[in-house]
N, C-alpha and C. Protein backbone atom coordinates (compact mmCIF):
# COMPACT_ATOMS: atom_id res chain seq x y z
N MET A 1 71.08 85.85 -194.25
CA MET A 1 71.51 84.43 -195.27
C MET A 1 70.94 84.51 -196.59
N ARG A 2 69.99 85.82 -197.01
CA ARG A 2 70.14 85.80 -198.51
C ARG A 2 70.48 86.20 -199.49
N GLN A 3 71.76 86.63 -199.13
CA GLN A 3 72.77 87.47 -200.14
C GLN A 3 73.44 85.76 -199.92
N LEU A 4 73.52 84.97 -199.06
CA LEU A 4 74.43 83.66 -198.79
C LEU A 4 73.73 82.58 -199.68
N ARG A 5 72.34 82.23 -199.33
CA ARG A 5 71.44 82.24 -200.41
C ARG A 5 71.77 81.91 -201.91
N ASP A 6 71.45 83.54 -202.31
CA ASP A 6 71.93 83.86 -203.64
C ASP A 6 73.54 83.19 -204.34
N ASP A 7 74.32 84.40 -203.18
CA ASP A 7 75.51 83.17 -203.67
C ASP A 7 75.32 81.98 -204.21
N VAL A 8 75.29 81.30 -203.53
CA VAL A 8 75.67 79.50 -203.19
C VAL A 8 74.73 79.01 -204.66
N GLY A 9 73.22 79.50 -204.54
CA GLY A 9 72.36 79.54 -205.91
C GLY A 9 72.32 77.70 -205.47
N GLY A 10 70.90 77.64 -206.45
CA GLY A 10 70.70 76.04 -206.03
C GLY A 10 69.89 75.79 -204.75
N ILE A 11 70.22 76.23 -203.98
CA ILE A 11 69.94 76.18 -202.20
C ILE A 11 68.55 76.33 -201.73
N SER A 12 67.85 75.88 -200.89
CA SER A 12 66.03 76.23 -200.79
C SER A 12 66.72 76.39 -199.04
N GLU A 13 65.92 77.75 -199.23
CA GLU A 13 66.49 78.26 -197.21
C GLU A 13 66.13 77.79 -196.18
N ARG A 14 65.48 76.99 -196.25
CA ARG A 14 65.80 75.26 -195.06
C ARG A 14 66.49 74.58 -195.42
N VAL A 15 67.35 74.15 -196.48
CA VAL A 15 68.48 73.65 -196.22
C VAL A 15 69.53 74.38 -195.53
N LEU A 16 69.78 75.30 -196.36
CA LEU A 16 70.85 76.30 -195.97
C LEU A 16 70.98 76.92 -194.62
N SER A 17 69.70 76.68 -193.97
CA SER A 17 69.56 77.32 -192.55
C SER A 17 69.92 76.30 -191.41
N SER A 18 69.69 74.48 -192.09
CA SER A 18 69.73 73.50 -191.22
C SER A 18 71.38 73.71 -191.53
N THR A 19 72.00 73.94 -192.61
CA THR A 19 73.47 73.95 -193.27
C THR A 19 73.87 74.21 -192.06
N LEU A 20 74.20 75.81 -191.89
CA LEU A 20 74.57 76.75 -191.63
C LEU A 20 74.33 76.52 -189.79
N LYS A 21 73.28 76.08 -189.06
CA LYS A 21 72.79 75.15 -188.16
C LYS A 21 73.74 74.15 -187.82
N THR A 22 74.48 73.59 -188.16
CA THR A 22 75.37 72.48 -188.27
C THR A 22 76.65 73.15 -188.37
N LEU A 23 77.73 74.52 -189.14
CA LEU A 23 78.42 74.49 -189.37
C LEU A 23 79.05 75.23 -187.89
N CYS A 24 77.56 76.23 -187.49
CA CYS A 24 77.84 76.37 -186.51
C CYS A 24 77.73 75.80 -185.17
N ARG A 25 77.17 74.94 -184.80
CA ARG A 25 77.03 73.36 -184.25
C ARG A 25 78.47 73.14 -183.98
N ASN A 26 79.02 72.73 -184.89
CA ASN A 26 80.39 71.83 -185.34
C ASN A 26 81.47 72.95 -185.09
N GLY A 27 80.98 74.16 -184.34
CA GLY A 27 82.37 75.06 -184.25
C GLY A 27 82.99 75.61 -185.37
N LEU A 28 83.14 75.73 -187.06
CA LEU A 28 83.34 76.06 -188.50
C LEU A 28 82.48 77.86 -188.77
N THR A 29 81.41 78.03 -188.03
CA THR A 29 80.85 79.18 -188.24
C THR A 29 80.19 80.19 -187.07
N ASP A 30 80.60 81.19 -186.54
CA ASP A 30 79.84 82.45 -185.88
C ASP A 30 79.05 82.75 -186.75
N ARG A 31 77.51 82.77 -185.55
CA ARG A 31 75.75 83.53 -186.16
C ARG A 31 76.30 84.95 -185.20
N HIS A 32 75.80 85.65 -185.99
CA HIS A 32 76.24 87.53 -185.93
C HIS A 32 74.76 87.65 -185.88
N VAL A 33 73.95 88.20 -184.78
CA VAL A 33 72.17 88.97 -184.83
C VAL A 33 72.30 90.44 -184.56
N GLN A 34 72.07 90.64 -185.16
CA GLN A 34 72.17 92.03 -184.88
C GLN A 34 70.94 92.82 -184.65
N PRO A 35 70.64 93.23 -182.92
CA PRO A 35 69.19 94.32 -182.72
C PRO A 35 68.15 95.06 -183.92
N THR A 36 67.93 94.64 -185.08
CA THR A 36 67.69 95.56 -185.75
C THR A 36 66.32 95.14 -186.56
N VAL A 37 65.07 95.37 -186.66
CA VAL A 37 64.02 95.09 -187.25
C VAL A 37 63.76 95.14 -188.52
N PRO A 38 63.41 94.05 -189.34
CA PRO A 38 64.20 92.44 -188.28
C PRO A 38 65.74 92.13 -188.68
N PRO A 39 65.58 91.03 -187.28
CA PRO A 39 67.30 91.46 -186.87
C PRO A 39 67.83 90.69 -188.04
N LYS A 40 68.91 91.21 -188.47
CA LYS A 40 70.41 90.75 -189.36
C LYS A 40 70.78 90.18 -189.02
N VAL A 41 70.71 88.65 -189.76
CA VAL A 41 71.59 87.61 -189.30
C VAL A 41 73.34 87.79 -190.52
N SER A 42 74.47 87.38 -189.89
CA SER A 42 75.48 87.95 -190.54
C SER A 42 76.27 86.11 -190.13
N TYR A 43 76.94 85.96 -190.65
CA TYR A 43 78.21 84.62 -190.12
C TYR A 43 79.58 84.77 -191.23
N SER A 44 80.12 84.04 -189.79
CA SER A 44 81.48 83.81 -190.27
C SER A 44 82.07 82.78 -189.60
N LEU A 45 83.42 82.48 -190.55
CA LEU A 45 83.85 81.59 -190.18
C LEU A 45 85.34 81.41 -189.19
N THR A 46 84.80 80.40 -188.72
CA THR A 46 86.14 80.76 -187.05
C THR A 46 87.37 79.68 -187.40
N PRO A 47 88.93 80.70 -186.55
CA PRO A 47 89.48 79.83 -186.80
C PRO A 47 89.64 78.22 -187.75
N SER A 48 88.52 77.22 -186.64
CA SER A 48 88.36 76.01 -187.37
C SER A 48 87.77 76.17 -189.25
N GLY A 49 86.77 76.49 -188.91
CA GLY A 49 86.19 76.83 -190.64
C GLY A 49 86.95 77.51 -191.30
N GLN A 50 88.00 78.62 -191.05
CA GLN A 50 89.50 78.95 -191.96
C GLN A 50 90.08 77.74 -192.13
N GLY A 51 90.35 76.90 -191.13
CA GLY A 51 91.18 75.97 -191.54
C GLY A 51 90.81 74.94 -192.65
N LEU A 52 89.79 74.72 -192.30
CA LEU A 52 88.78 73.44 -193.60
C LEU A 52 88.84 74.11 -194.70
N LEU A 53 88.40 75.46 -194.86
CA LEU A 53 88.36 76.22 -196.46
C LEU A 53 89.69 76.08 -196.88
N SER A 54 90.83 75.43 -196.03
CA SER A 54 92.09 75.52 -197.16
C SER A 54 92.21 74.28 -197.69
N VAL A 55 91.94 73.86 -196.31
CA VAL A 55 92.38 72.28 -196.94
C VAL A 55 90.92 72.08 -198.39
N MET A 56 89.55 72.53 -198.43
CA MET A 56 88.68 72.00 -199.61
C MET A 56 89.51 72.96 -200.49
N GLU A 57 89.79 74.15 -200.32
CA GLU A 57 89.85 75.03 -201.67
C GLU A 57 91.53 73.66 -202.31
N ARG A 58 92.51 73.01 -201.68
CA ARG A 58 93.39 72.04 -202.00
C ARG A 58 92.45 71.11 -202.66
N LEU A 59 91.73 70.52 -202.15
CA LEU A 59 90.74 69.42 -202.82
C LEU A 59 90.35 69.76 -204.25
N THR A 60 89.39 70.84 -204.04
CA THR A 60 88.65 70.86 -205.27
C THR A 60 89.50 71.65 -206.43
N ASP A 61 91.23 72.28 -205.90
CA ASP A 61 91.93 71.99 -207.09
C ASP A 61 92.24 70.60 -207.92
N TRP A 62 92.82 69.91 -206.91
CA TRP A 62 93.13 68.97 -207.08
C TRP A 62 92.08 68.07 -208.08
N ILE A 63 91.47 68.26 -207.76
CA ILE A 63 90.03 67.57 -208.81
C ILE A 63 89.73 68.33 -209.88
N GLY A 64 90.45 69.42 -209.85
CA GLY A 64 90.32 70.22 -211.09
C GLY A 64 91.60 69.72 -212.26
N ARG A 65 92.16 69.39 -211.56
CA ARG A 65 93.49 69.14 -212.26
C ARG A 65 93.96 67.41 -212.58
N GLU A 66 93.42 66.73 -211.98
CA GLU A 66 93.00 64.91 -211.86
C GLU A 66 91.59 64.70 -212.16
N LEU A 67 90.25 65.59 -212.78
CA LEU A 67 89.10 65.08 -212.67
C LEU A 67 88.72 63.82 -214.29
N GLN A 68 90.33 64.31 -215.27
CA GLN A 68 89.87 63.93 -216.51
C GLN A 68 90.40 62.67 -216.30
N THR A 69 91.58 62.49 -215.28
CA THR A 69 92.30 61.42 -215.12
C THR A 69 91.04 60.27 -214.55
N VAL A 70 90.22 60.62 -213.61
CA VAL A 70 89.65 59.47 -213.25
C VAL A 70 89.01 59.10 -213.49
N GLU A 71 87.92 60.48 -214.61
CA GLU A 71 87.23 60.43 -215.52
C GLU A 71 87.65 58.71 -216.55
N ALA A 72 89.03 59.05 -217.60
CA ALA A 72 89.54 57.92 -218.07
C ALA A 72 89.96 56.79 -217.50
N ALA A 73 90.33 56.65 -216.35
CA ALA A 73 90.40 55.59 -215.35
C ALA A 73 88.98 55.24 -215.75
N LYS A 74 88.33 55.08 -215.03
CA LYS A 74 86.99 54.40 -214.77
C LYS A 74 86.06 54.32 -216.22
N ALA A 75 86.39 54.96 -217.34
CA ALA A 75 86.03 54.50 -218.35
C ALA A 75 86.77 53.72 -219.04
N ARG A 76 88.51 53.06 -218.23
CA ARG A 76 88.50 51.92 -218.96
C ARG A 76 87.75 50.95 -218.11
N TYR A 77 87.97 51.16 -217.16
CA TYR A 77 87.37 50.07 -216.16
C TYR A 77 86.36 49.75 -216.65
N ASP A 78 85.17 50.36 -216.79
CA ASP A 78 84.07 49.71 -217.76
C ASP A 78 84.01 48.69 -218.48
N ARG A 79 85.38 49.61 -219.68
CA ARG A 79 85.01 48.96 -220.88
C ARG A 79 85.81 47.15 -220.47
N GLU A 80 86.96 47.40 -219.42
CA GLU A 80 87.57 46.27 -219.38
C GLU A 80 86.41 45.36 -218.76
N ASN A 81 85.39 45.36 -217.93
CA ASN A 81 84.77 44.72 -217.21
C ASN A 81 83.07 45.17 -216.90
N HIS A 82 83.04 45.14 -218.15
CA HIS A 82 81.86 45.53 -218.28
C HIS A 82 81.01 43.94 -218.81
N ASP A 83 81.25 42.64 -218.15
CA ASP A 83 80.86 41.94 -218.00
C ASP A 83 81.09 41.04 -216.80
N ALA A 84 81.73 41.86 -215.92
CA ALA A 84 81.55 41.34 -214.73
C ALA A 84 81.09 41.95 -213.46
N GLY A 85 79.67 42.11 -213.47
CA GLY A 85 78.70 42.59 -213.54
C GLY A 85 79.11 44.67 -212.31
N ASP A 86 78.33 44.33 -211.02
CA ASP A 86 78.77 45.94 -210.43
C ASP A 86 80.10 46.29 -210.93
N THR A 87 80.31 47.44 -211.20
CA THR A 87 81.18 48.34 -211.25
C THR A 87 81.47 49.43 -210.46
N GLY A 88 80.47 49.43 -209.34
CA GLY A 88 80.93 50.29 -207.95
C GLY A 88 79.83 51.65 -208.11
N ARG A 89 78.65 51.52 -209.27
CA ARG A 89 78.56 52.70 -209.55
C ARG A 89 76.85 52.94 -208.60
């Protein structure tokens, strides 16, 4: 788990542990414990987790392609509606 925490960066061990438990509970990861001292714990994606990873990769690709378009649309909306009250931010 320490390597995963270091790879993710900016996440506490408590938050990472809670997230991994949720992913296991939802069937997206499997937890493997090796009976060593101290116990060595590793995680792997289940087939469902692999499927979700594929979806998330496509989503992040889309975000990378469209982020400037979205930001420009927000700026245009904000300019055109600056007196209209709440802009949804």
